[in-house]
PDB file of N, CA and C in Angstrom:
ATOM      1  N   MET A   1       0.840  -1.182   0.000  1.00  0.00           N
ATOM      2  CA  MET A   1       0.000   0.000   0.000  1.00  0.00           C
ATOM      3  C   MET A   1       0.888   1.250   0.000  1.00  0.00           C
ATOM      4  N   VAL A   2       0.583   2.149  -0.883  1.00  0.00           N
ATOM      5  CA  VAL A   2       1.328   3.407  -0.975  1.00  0.00           C
ATOM      6  C   VAL A   2       0.624   4.434  -0.106  1.00  0.00           C
ATOM      7  N   ARG A   3       1.399   5.084   0.741  1.00  0.00           N
ATOM      8  CA  ARG A   3       0.850   6.134   1.591  1.00  0.00           C
ATOM      9  C   ARG A   3       0.686   7.415   0.789  1.00  0.00           C
ATOM     10  N   ARG A   4      -0.147   8.282   1.324  1.00  0.00           N
ATOM     11  CA  ARG A   4      -0.320   9.598   0.718  1.00  0.00           C
ATOM     12  C   ARG A   4       1.041  10.288   0.676  1.00  0.00           C
ATOM     13  N   HIS A   5       1.343  10.991  -0.353  1.00  0.00           N
ATOM     14  CA  HIS A   5       2.595  11.723  -0.558  1.00  0.00           C
ATOM     15  C   HIS A   5       3.765  10.804  -0.893  1.00  0.00           C
ATOM     16  N   GLU A   6       3.516   9.566  -1.272  1.00  0.00           N
ATOM     17  CA  GLU A   6       4.607   8.672  -1.648  1.00  0.00           C
ATOM     18  C   GLU A   6       4.456   8.263  -3.102  1.00  0.00           C
ATOM     19  N   LEU A   7       5.566   7.856  -3.697  1.00  0.00           N
ATOM     20  CA  LEU A   7       5.564   7.452  -5.098  1.00  0.00           C
ATOM     21  C   LEU A   7       4.939   6.081  -5.271  1.00  0.00           C
ATOM     22  N   SER A   8       4.160   5.952  -6.328  1.00  0.00           N
ATOM     23  CA  SER A   8       3.603   4.638  -6.674  1.00  0.00           C
ATOM     24  C   SER A   8       4.730   3.765  -7.232  1.00  0.00           C
ATOM     25  N   ASP A   9       4.470   2.466  -7.331  1.00  0.00           N
ATOM     26  CA  ASP A   9       5.466   1.559  -7.906  1.00  0.00           C
ATOM     27  C   ASP A   9       5.780   1.961  -9.348  1.00  0.00           C
ATOM     28  N   GLU A  10       4.765   2.394 -10.084  1.00  0.00           N
ATOM     29  CA  GLU A  10       4.954   2.818 -11.478  1.00  0.00           C
ATOM     30  C   GLU A  10       5.854   4.053 -11.560  1.00  0.00           C
ATOM     31  N   ALA A  11       5.580   5.041 -10.717  1.00  0.00           N
ATOM     32  CA  ALA A  11       6.409   6.258 -10.713  1.00  0.00           C
ATOM     33  C   ALA A  11       7.839   5.926 -10.291  1.00  0.00           C
ATOM     34  N   TRP A  12       7.981   5.067  -9.288  1.00  0.00           N
ATOM     35  CA  TRP A  12       9.313   4.692  -8.819  1.00  0.00           C
ATOM     36  C   TRP A  12      10.087   3.976  -9.926  1.00  0.00           C
ATOM     37  N   ALA A  13       9.428   3.089 -10.653  1.00  0.00           N
ATOM     38  CA  ALA A  13      10.099   2.349 -11.725  1.00  0.00           C
ATOM     39  C   ALA A  13      10.626   3.297 -12.795  1.00  0.00           C
ATOM     40  N   ARG A  14       9.953   4.419 -13.001  1.00  0.00           N
ATOM     41  CA  ARG A  14      10.411   5.398 -13.996  1.00  0.00           C
ATOM     42  C   ARG A  14      11.633   6.172 -13.551  1.00  0.00           C
ATOM     43  N   ILE A  15      11.668   6.540 -12.278  1.00  0.00           N
ATOM     44  CA  ILE A  15      12.769   7.418 -11.853  1.00  0.00           C
ATOM     45  C   ILE A  15      13.952   6.679 -11.261  1.00  0.00           C
ATOM     46  N   GLU A  16      13.769   5.488 -10.751  1.00  0.00           N
ATOM     47  CA  GLU A  16      14.878   4.788 -10.092  1.00  0.00           C
ATOM     48  C   GLU A  16      16.134   4.697 -10.945  1.00  0.00           C
ATOM     49  N   PRO A  17      16.018   4.311 -12.236  1.00  0.00           N
ATOM     50  CA  PRO A  17      17.240   4.211 -13.043  1.00  0.00           C
ATOM     51  C   PRO A  17      17.934   5.548 -13.291  1.00  0.00           C
ATOM     52  N   LEU A  18      17.251   6.658 -13.052  1.00  0.00           N
ATOM     53  CA  LEU A  18      17.808   7.983 -13.320  1.00  0.00           C
ATOM     54  C   LEU A  18      18.556   8.570 -12.130  1.00  0.00           C
ATOM     55  N   LEU A  19      18.441   7.943 -10.977  1.00  0.00           N
ATOM     56  CA  LEU A  19      19.060   8.487  -9.764  1.00  0.00           C
ATOM     57  C   LEU A  19      20.525   8.093  -9.675  1.00  0.00           C
ATOM     58  N   PRO A  20      21.332   8.958  -9.068  1.00  0.00           N
ATOM     59  CA  PRO A  20      22.760   8.647  -8.913  1.00  0.00           C
ATOM     60  C   PRO A  20      22.962   7.342  -8.153  1.00  0.00           C
ATOM     61  N   VAL A  21      24.005   6.602  -8.526  1.00  0.00           N
ATOM     62  CA  VAL A  21      24.267   5.309  -7.896  1.00  0.00           C
ATOM     63  C   VAL A  21      25.527   5.306  -7.048  1.00  0.00           C
ATOM     64  N   SER A  22      26.195   6.441  -6.946  1.00  0.00           N
ATOM     65  CA  SER A  22      27.432   6.467  -6.169  1.00  0.00           C
ATOM     66  C   SER A  22      27.127   6.307  -4.686  1.00  0.00           C
ATOM     67  N   THR A  23      28.153   6.084  -3.934  1.00  0.00           N
ATOM     68  CA  THR A  23      27.996   5.917  -2.500  1.00  0.00           C
ATOM     69  C   THR A  23      28.297   7.215  -1.779  1.00  0.00           C
ATOM     70  N   GLY A  24      27.782   7.334  -0.601  1.00  0.00           N
ATOM     71  CA  GLY A  24      28.048   8.498   0.225  1.00  0.00           C
ATOM     72  C   GLY A  24      29.405   8.359   0.899  1.00  0.00           C
ATOM     73  N   PRO A  25      29.808   9.372   1.661  1.00  0.00           N
ATOM     74  CA  PRO A  25      31.127   9.363   2.286  1.00  0.00           C
ATOM     75  C   PRO A  25      31.320   8.208   3.263  1.00  0.00           C
ATOM     76  N   GLY A  26      30.237   7.741   3.889  1.00  0.00           N
ATOM     77  CA  GLY A  26      30.350   6.663   4.864  1.00  0.00           C
ATOM     78  C   GLY A  26      30.101   5.297   4.274  1.00  0.00           C
ATOM     79  N   GLY A  27      30.059   5.185   2.977  1.00  0.00           N
ATOM     80  CA  GLY A  27      29.745   3.901   2.342  1.00  0.00           C
ATOM     81  C   GLY A  27      28.511   4.016   1.487  1.00  0.00           C
ATOM     82  N   ARG A  28      27.777   2.943   1.424  1.00  0.00           N
ATOM     83  CA  ARG A  28      26.590   2.876   0.567  1.00  0.00           C
ATOM     84  C   ARG A  28      25.473   3.792   1.081  1.00  0.00           C
ATOM     85  N   TRP A  29      24.789   4.473   0.148  1.00  0.00           N
ATOM     86  CA  TRP A  29      23.659   5.332   0.518  1.00  0.00           C
ATOM     87  C   TRP A  29      22.510   4.492   1.034  1.00  0.00           C
ATOM     88  N   ARG A  30      21.689   5.111   1.863  1.00  0.00           N
ATOM     89  CA  ARG A  30      20.460   4.465   2.316  1.00  0.00           C
ATOM     90  C   ARG A  30      19.521   4.310   1.119  1.00  0.00           C
ATOM     91  N   ASP A  31      18.477   3.536   1.321  1.00  0.00           N
ATOM     92  CA  ASP A  31      17.499   3.242   0.277  1.00  0.00           C
ATOM     93  C   ASP A  31      16.985   4.530  -0.385  1.00  0.00           C
ATOM     94  N   HIS A  32      17.201   4.634  -1.698  1.00  0.00           N
ATOM     95  CA  HIS A  32      16.775   5.832  -2.434  1.00  0.00           C
ATOM     96  C   HIS A  32      15.260   6.042  -2.339  1.00  0.00           C
ATOM     97  N   ARG A  33      14.483   4.980  -2.481  1.00  0.00           N
ATOM     98  CA  ARG A  33      13.029   5.158  -2.511  1.00  0.00           C
ATOM     99  C   ARG A  33      12.523   5.742  -1.195  1.00  0.00           C
ATOM    100  N   GLN A  34      13.037   5.250  -0.104  1.00  0.00           N
ATOM    101  CA  GLN A  34      12.634   5.742   1.202  1.00  0.00           C
ATOM    102  C   GLN A  34      12.970   7.230   1.336  1.00  0.00           C
ATOM    103  N   VAL A  35      14.156   7.601   0.921  1.00  0.00           N
ATOM    104  CA  VAL A  35      14.589   8.997   1.026  1.00  0.00           C
ATOM    105  C   VAL A  35      13.813   9.884   0.051  1.00  0.00           C
ATOM    106  N   VAL A  36      13.615   9.429  -1.180  1.00  0.00           N
ATOM    107  CA  VAL A  36      12.846  10.216  -2.158  1.00  0.00           C
ATOM    108  C   VAL A  36      11.420  10.416  -1.656  1.00  0.00           C
ATOM    109  N   ASN A  37      10.823   9.390  -1.063  1.00  0.00           N
ATOM    110  CA  ASN A  37       9.486   9.564  -0.492  1.00  0.00           C
ATOM    111  C   ASN A  37       9.496  10.616   0.616  1.00  0.00           C
ATOM    112  N   GLY A  38      10.567  10.686   1.386  1.00  0.00           N
ATOM    113  CA  GLY A  38      10.695  11.731   2.402  1.00  0.00           C
ATOM    114  C   GLY A  38      10.785  13.111   1.775  1.00  0.00           C
ATOM    115  N   ILE A  39      11.513  13.212   0.670  1.00  0.00           N
ATOM    116  CA  ILE A  39      11.625  14.487  -0.051  1.00  0.00           C
ATOM    117  C   ILE A  39      10.263  14.889  -0.607  1.00  0.00           C
ATOM    118  N   VAL A  40       9.567  13.943  -1.199  1.00  0.00           N
ATOM    119  CA  VAL A  40       8.228  14.213  -1.742  1.00  0.00           C
ATOM    120  C   VAL A  40       7.295  14.659  -0.621  1.00  0.00           C
ATOM    121  N   TRP A  41       7.358  13.969   0.529  1.00  0.00           N
ATOM    122  CA  TRP A  41       6.519  14.335   1.669  1.00  0.00           C
ATOM    123  C   TRP A  41       6.784  15.778   2.080  1.00  0.00           C
ATOM    124  N   LYS A  42       8.053  16.131   2.204  1.00  0.00           N
ATOM    125  CA  LYS A  42       8.427  17.478   2.637  1.00  0.00           C
ATOM    126  C   LYS A  42       7.933  18.539   1.662  1.00  0.00           C
ATOM    127  N   ILE A  43       8.133  18.290   0.370  1.00  0.00           N
ATOM    128  CA  ILE A  43       7.735  19.273  -0.643  1.00  0.00           C
ATOM    129  C   ILE A  43       6.218  19.404  -0.709  1.00  0.00           C
ATOM    130  N   ARG A  44       5.508  18.291  -0.669  1.00  0.00           N
ATOM    131  CA  ARG A  44       4.044  18.342  -0.774  1.00  0.00           C
ATOM    132  C   ARG A  44       3.382  18.947   0.458  1.00  0.00           C
ATOM    133  N   THR A  45       3.975  18.750   1.632  1.00  0.00           N
ATOM    134  CA  THR A  45       3.356  19.282   2.853  1.00  0.00           C
ATOM    135  C   THR A  45       3.828  20.689   3.174  1.00  0.00           C
ATOM    136  N   GLY A  46       5.013  21.074   2.687  1.00  0.00           N
ATOM    137  CA  GLY A  46       5.565  22.378   3.009  1.00  0.00           C
ATOM    138  C   GLY A  46       6.141  22.454   4.417  1.00  0.00           C
ATOM    139  N   ALA A  47       6.278  21.316   5.058  1.00  0.00           N
ATOM    140  CA  ALA A  47       6.805  21.275   6.429  1.00  0.00           C
ATOM    141  C   ALA A  47       8.306  21.564   6.437  1.00  0.00           C
ATOM    142  N   ASP A  48       8.836  21.827   7.608  1.00  0.00           N
ATOM    143  CA  ASP A  48      10.276  21.997   7.777  1.00  0.00           C
ATOM    144  C   ASP A  48      10.972  20.647   7.633  1.00  0.00           C
ATOM    145  N   TRP A  49      12.247  20.682   7.255  1.00  0.00           N
ATOM    146  CA  TRP A  49      13.009  19.433   7.136  1.00  0.00           C
ATOM    147  C   TRP A  49      12.977  18.632   8.433  1.00  0.00           C
ATOM    148  N   ARG A  50      13.072  19.311   9.563  1.00  0.00           N
ATOM    149  CA  ARG A  50      13.093  18.626  10.858  1.00  0.00           C
ATOM    150  C   ARG A  50      11.802  17.873  11.147  1.00  0.00           C
ATOM    151  N   ASP A  51      10.739  18.187  10.415  1.00  0.00           N
ATOM    152  CA  ASP A  51       9.446  17.531  10.638  1.00  0.00           C
ATOM    153  C   ASP A  51       9.212  16.330   9.734  1.00  0.00           C
ATOM    154  N   VAL A  52      10.168  15.997   8.877  1.00  0.00           N
ATOM    155  CA  VAL A  52      10.030  14.819   8.014  1.00  0.00           C
ATOM    156  C   VAL A  52       9.920  13.589   8.917  1.00  0.00           C
ATOM    157  N   PRO A  53       8.881  12.761   8.748  1.00  0.00           N
ATOM    158  CA  PRO A  53       8.700  11.586   9.607  1.00  0.00           C
ATOM    159  C   PRO A  53       9.897  10.629   9.564  1.00  0.00           C
ATOM    160  N   ASP A  54      10.176  10.023  10.679  1.00  0.00           N
ATOM    161  CA  ASP A  54      11.310   9.101  10.798  1.00  0.00           C
ATOM    162  C   ASP A  54      11.223   7.910   9.852  1.00  0.00           C
ATOM    163  N   ARG A  55      10.018   7.558   9.399  1.00  0.00           N
ATOM    164  CA  ARG A  55       9.896   6.402   8.497  1.00  0.00           C
ATOM    165  C   ARG A  55      10.651   6.609   7.185  1.00  0.00           C
ATOM    166  N   TYR A  56      11.009   7.877   6.899  1.00  0.00           N
ATOM    167  CA  TYR A  56      11.744   8.191   5.676  1.00  0.00           C
ATOM    168  C   TYR A  56      13.245   8.298   5.900  1.00  0.00           C
ATOM    169  N   ASP A  57      13.705   7.967   7.060  1.00  0.00           N
ATOM    170  CA  ASP A  57      15.096   8.098   7.494  1.00  0.00           C
ATOM    171  C   ASP A  57      15.226   9.379   8.293  1.00  0.00           C
ATOM    172  N   PRO A  58      16.339   9.570   8.951  1.00  0.00           N
ATOM    173  CA  PRO A  58      16.508  10.824   9.697  1.00  0.00           C
ATOM    174  C   PRO A  58      16.370  12.022   8.756  1.00  0.00           C
ATOM    175  N   TRP A  59      15.783  13.077   9.261  1.00  0.00           N
ATOM    176  CA  TRP A  59      15.546  14.256   8.423  1.00  0.00           C
ATOM    177  C   TRP A  59      16.832  14.784   7.810  1.00  0.00           C
ATOM    178  N   GLN A  60      17.946  14.616   8.535  1.00  0.00           N
ATOM    179  CA  GLN A  60      19.222  15.109   8.024  1.00  0.00           C
ATOM    180  C   GLN A  60      19.622  14.368   6.743  1.00  0.00           C
ATOM    181  N   THR A  61      19.359  13.059   6.708  1.00  0.00           N
ATOM    182  CA  THR A  61      19.665  12.252   5.523  1.00  0.00           C
ATOM    183  C   THR A  61      18.821  12.702   4.341  1.00  0.00           C
ATOM    184  N   VAL A  62      17.536  12.902   4.583  1.00  0.00           N
ATOM    185  CA  VAL A  62      16.608  13.318   3.525  1.00  0.00           C
ATOM    186  C   VAL A  62      17.002  14.694   2.995  1.00  0.00           C
ATOM    187  N   SER A  63      17.278  15.608   3.892  1.00  0.00           N
ATOM    188  CA  SER A  63      17.668  16.962   3.505  1.00  0.00           C
ATOM    189  C   SER A  63      18.989  16.969   2.740  1.00  0.00           C
ATOM    190  N   GLN A  64      19.955  16.234   3.244  1.00  0.00           N
ATOM    191  CA  GLN A  64      21.271  16.201   2.603  1.00  0.00           C
ATOM    192  C   GLN A  64      21.187  15.613   1.190  1.00  0.00           C
ATOM    193  N   ARG A  65      20.419  14.542   1.027  1.00  0.00           N
ATOM    194  CA  ARG A  65      20.286  13.941  -0.303  1.00  0.00           C
ATOM    195  C   ARG A  65      19.619  14.912  -1.254  1.00  0.00           C
ATOM    196  N   PHE A  66      18.576  15.613  -0.800  1.00  0.00           N
ATOM    197  CA  PHE A  66      17.910  16.602  -1.644  1.00  0.00           C
ATOM    198  C   PHE A  66      18.901  17.670  -2.080  1.00  0.00           C
ATOM    199  N   ARG A  67      19.654  18.207  -1.140  1.00  0.00           N
ATOM    200  CA  ARG A  67      20.599  19.281  -1.457  1.00  0.00           C
ATOM    201  C   ARG A  67      21.717  18.802  -2.383  1.00  0.00           C
ATOM    202  N   ARG A  68      22.213  17.610  -2.125  1.00  0.00           N
ATOM    203  CA  ARG A  68      23.301  17.058  -2.961  1.00  0.00           C
ATOM    204  C   ARG A  68      22.816  16.878  -4.400  1.00  0.00           C
ATOM    205  N   TRP A  69      21.629  16.301  -4.565  1.00  0.00           N
ATOM    206  CA  TRP A  69      21.116  16.061  -5.915  1.00  0.00           C
ATOM    207  C   TRP A  69      20.703  17.364  -6.591  1.00  0.00           C
ATOM    208  N   ASN A  70      20.318  18.352  -5.819  1.00  0.00           N
ATOM    209  CA  ASN A  70      20.016  19.658  -6.395  1.00  0.00           C
ATOM    210  C   ASN A  70      21.304  20.305  -6.911  1.00  0.00           C
ATOM    211  N   ALA A  71      22.357  20.214  -6.124  1.00  0.00           N
ATOM    212  CA  ALA A  71      23.637  20.829  -6.502  1.00  0.00           C
ATOM    213  C   ALA A  71      24.275  20.161  -7.708  1.00  0.00           C
ATOM    214  N   ASP A  72      24.134  18.844  -7.834  1.00  0.00           N
ATOM    215  CA  ASP A  72      24.793  18.153  -8.952  1.00  0.00           C
ATOM    216  C   ASP A  72      23.909  18.032 -10.197  1.00  0.00           C
ATOM    217  N   GLY A  73      22.706  18.624 -10.151  1.00  0.00           N
ATOM    218  CA  GLY A  73      21.832  18.643 -11.321  1.00  0.00           C
ATOM    219  C   GLY A  73      20.974  17.400 -11.502  1.00  0.00           C
ATOM    220  N   ALA A  74      20.981  16.493 -10.540  1.00  0.00           N
ATOM    221  CA  ALA A  74      20.210  15.248 -10.677  1.00  0.00           C
ATOM    222  C   ALA A  74      18.711  15.516 -10.831  1.00  0.00           C
ATOM    223  N   TRP A  75      18.173  16.448 -10.057  1.00  0.00           N
ATOM    224  CA  TRP A  75      16.742  16.747 -10.152  1.00  0.00           C
ATOM    225  C   TRP A  75      16.394  17.337 -11.519  1.00  0.00           C
ATOM    226  N   GLU A  76      17.250  18.217 -12.040  1.00  0.00           N
ATOM    227  CA  GLU A  76      16.993  18.809 -13.362  1.00  0.00           C
ATOM    228  C   GLU A  76      17.007  17.741 -14.449  1.00  0.00           C
ATOM    229  N   ARG A  77      17.962  16.826 -14.378  1.00  0.00           N
ATOM    230  CA  ARG A  77      18.034  15.741 -15.367  1.00  0.00           C
ATOM    231  C   ARG A  77      16.811  14.832 -15.272  1.00  0.00           C
ATOM    232  N   LEU A  78      16.391  14.537 -14.059  1.00  0.00           N
ATOM    233  CA  LEU A  78      15.226  13.686 -13.856  1.00  0.00           C
ATOM    234  C   LEU A  78      13.973  14.352 -14.426  1.00  0.00           C
ATOM    235  N   LEU A  79      13.790  15.643 -14.131  1.00  0.00           N
ATOM    236  CA  LEU A  79      12.632  16.371 -14.647  1.00  0.00           C
ATOM    237  C   LEU A  79      12.642  16.423 -16.165  1.00  0.00           C
ATOM    238  N   ALA A  80      13.785  16.709 -16.758  1.00  0.00           N
ATOM    239  CA  ALA A  80      13.881  16.770 -18.217  1.00  0.00           C
ATOM    240  C   ALA A  80      13.532  15.420 -18.839  1.00  0.00           C
ATOM    241  N   HIS A  81      14.031  14.347 -18.269  1.00  0.00           N
ATOM    242  CA  HIS A  81      13.739  13.013 -18.780  1.00  0.00           C
ATOM    243  C   HIS A  81      12.240  12.716 -18.694  1.00  0.00           C
ATOM    244  N   LEU A  82      11.637  13.015 -17.558  1.00  0.00           N
ATOM    245  CA  LEU A  82      10.204  12.740 -17.388  1.00  0.00           C
ATOM    246  C   LEU A  82       9.356  13.599 -18.316  1.00  0.00           C
ATOM    247  N   GLN A  83       9.771  14.847 -18.535  1.00  0.00           N
ATOM    248  CA  GLN A  83       9.021  15.697 -19.465  1.00  0.00           C
ATOM    249  C   GLN A  83       9.078  15.136 -20.878  1.00  0.00           C
ATOM    250  N   VAL A  84      10.251  14.703 -21.313  1.00  0.00           N
ATOM    251  CA  VAL A  84      10.385  14.130 -22.657  1.00  0.00           C
ATOM    252  C   VAL A  84       9.552  12.856 -22.769  1.00  0.00           C
ATOM    253  N   HIS A  85       9.644  11.998 -21.770  1.00  0.00           N
ATOM    254  CA  HIS A  85       8.902  10.732 -21.785  1.00  0.00           C
ATOM    255  C   HIS A  85       7.392  10.987 -21.812  1.00  0.00           C
ATOM    256  N   ASN A  86       6.931  11.867 -20.923  1.00  0.00           N
ATOM    257  CA  ASN A  86       5.499  12.141 -20.851  1.00  0.00           C
ATOM    258  C   ASN A  86       5.000  12.906 -22.078  1.00  0.00           C
ATOM    259  N   ASP A  87       5.832  13.769 -22.644  1.00  0.00           N
ATOM    260  CA  ASP A  87       5.444  14.482 -23.858  1.00  0.00           C
ATOM    261  C   ASP A  87       5.296  13.501 -25.023  1.00  0.00           C
ATOM    262  N   ALA A  88       6.217  12.567 -25.130  1.00  0.00           N
ATOM    263  CA  ALA A  88       6.133  11.554 -26.196  1.00  0.00           C
ATOM    264  C   ALA A  88       4.879  10.698 -26.045  1.00  0.00           C
ATOM    265  N   ALA A  89       4.434  10.523 -24.808  1.00  0.00           N
ATOM    266  CA  ALA A  89       3.225   9.733 -24.557  1.00  0.00           C
ATOM    267  C   ALA A  89       1.960  10.580 -24.673  1.00  0.00           C
ATOM    268  N   GLY A  90       2.137  11.872 -24.999  1.00  0.00           N
ATOM    269  CA  GLY A  90       0.982  12.763 -25.134  1.00  0.00           C
ATOM    270  C   GLY A  90       0.380  13.177 -23.804  1.00  0.00           C
ATOM    271  N   ALA A  91       1.157  13.088 -22.732  1.00  0.00           N
ATOM    272  CA  ALA A  91       0.636  13.379 -21.399  1.00  0.00           C
ATOM    273  C   ALA A  91       0.997  14.772 -20.899  1.00  0.00           C
ATOM    274  N   VAL A  92       1.577  15.612 -21.762  1.00  0.00           N
ATOM    275  CA  VAL A  92       1.940  16.970 -21.348  1.00  0.00           C
ATOM    276  C   VAL A  92       1.145  17.967 -22.184  1.00  0.00           C
ATOM    277  N   ASP A  93       0.500  18.888 -21.507  1.00  0.00           N
ATOM    278  CA  ASP A  93      -0.235  19.954 -22.183  1.00  0.00           C
ATOM    279  C   ASP A  93       0.638  21.206 -22.134  1.00  0.00           C
ATOM    280  N   TRP A  94       1.233  21.569 -23.267  1.00  0.00           N
ATOM    281  CA  TRP A  94       2.158  22.695 -23.321  1.00  0.00           C
ATOM    282  C   TRP A  94       1.445  24.011 -23.592  1.00  0.00           C
ATOM    283  N   SER A  95       0.146  23.976 -23.772  1.00  0.00           N
ATOM    284  CA  SER A  95      -0.583  25.222 -24.057  1.00  0.00           C
ATOM    285  C   SER A  95      -0.664  26.086 -22.809  1.00  0.00           C
ATOM    286  N   VAL A  96      -0.739  27.379 -23.057  1.00  0.00           N
ATOM    287  CA  VAL A  96      -0.877  28.339 -21.964  1.00  0.00           C
ATOM    288  C   VAL A  96      -2.296  28.841 -22.011  1.00  0.00           C
ATOM    289  N   LYS A  97      -2.983  28.705 -20.915  1.00  0.00           N
ATOM    290  CA  LYS A  97      -4.382  29.160 -20.852  1.00  0.00           C
ATOM    291  C   LYS A  97      -4.409  30.506 -20.170  1.00  0.00           C
ATOM    292  N   ARG A  98      -4.933  31.479 -20.869  1.00  0.00           N
ATOM    293  CA  ARG A  98      -5.036  32.826 -20.315  1.00  0.00           C
ATOM    294  C   ARG A  98      -6.458  33.068 -19.854  1.00  0.00           C
ATOM    295  N   GLN A  99      -6.551  33.859 -18.829  1.00  0.00           N
ATOM    296  CA  GLN A  99      -7.898  34.166 -18.302  1.00  0.00           C
ATOM    297  C   GLN A  99      -8.333  35.532 -18.710  1.00  0.00           C
TER     298      GLN A  99
END
């Protein structure tokens, strides 16, 4: 069961191969899906990093991974890939609606 504010299996299958695979300074990174779900939770709720639930790993881990991937362009590459994929599938509406 997917909780509210978490990625579905389908969404995860799309982005998992696009995420960095290197290890952190202390060895292997914690589970990407768990941390990404924490990032999604934080962004969707607008809460402070310190309020990220422990089920997503310590808030420091979630925050650090977000900042690291933001700095190295991982989020931009992921967004660009998803836009191209979804546009090819006809799932992006590029029109601008004016009121």
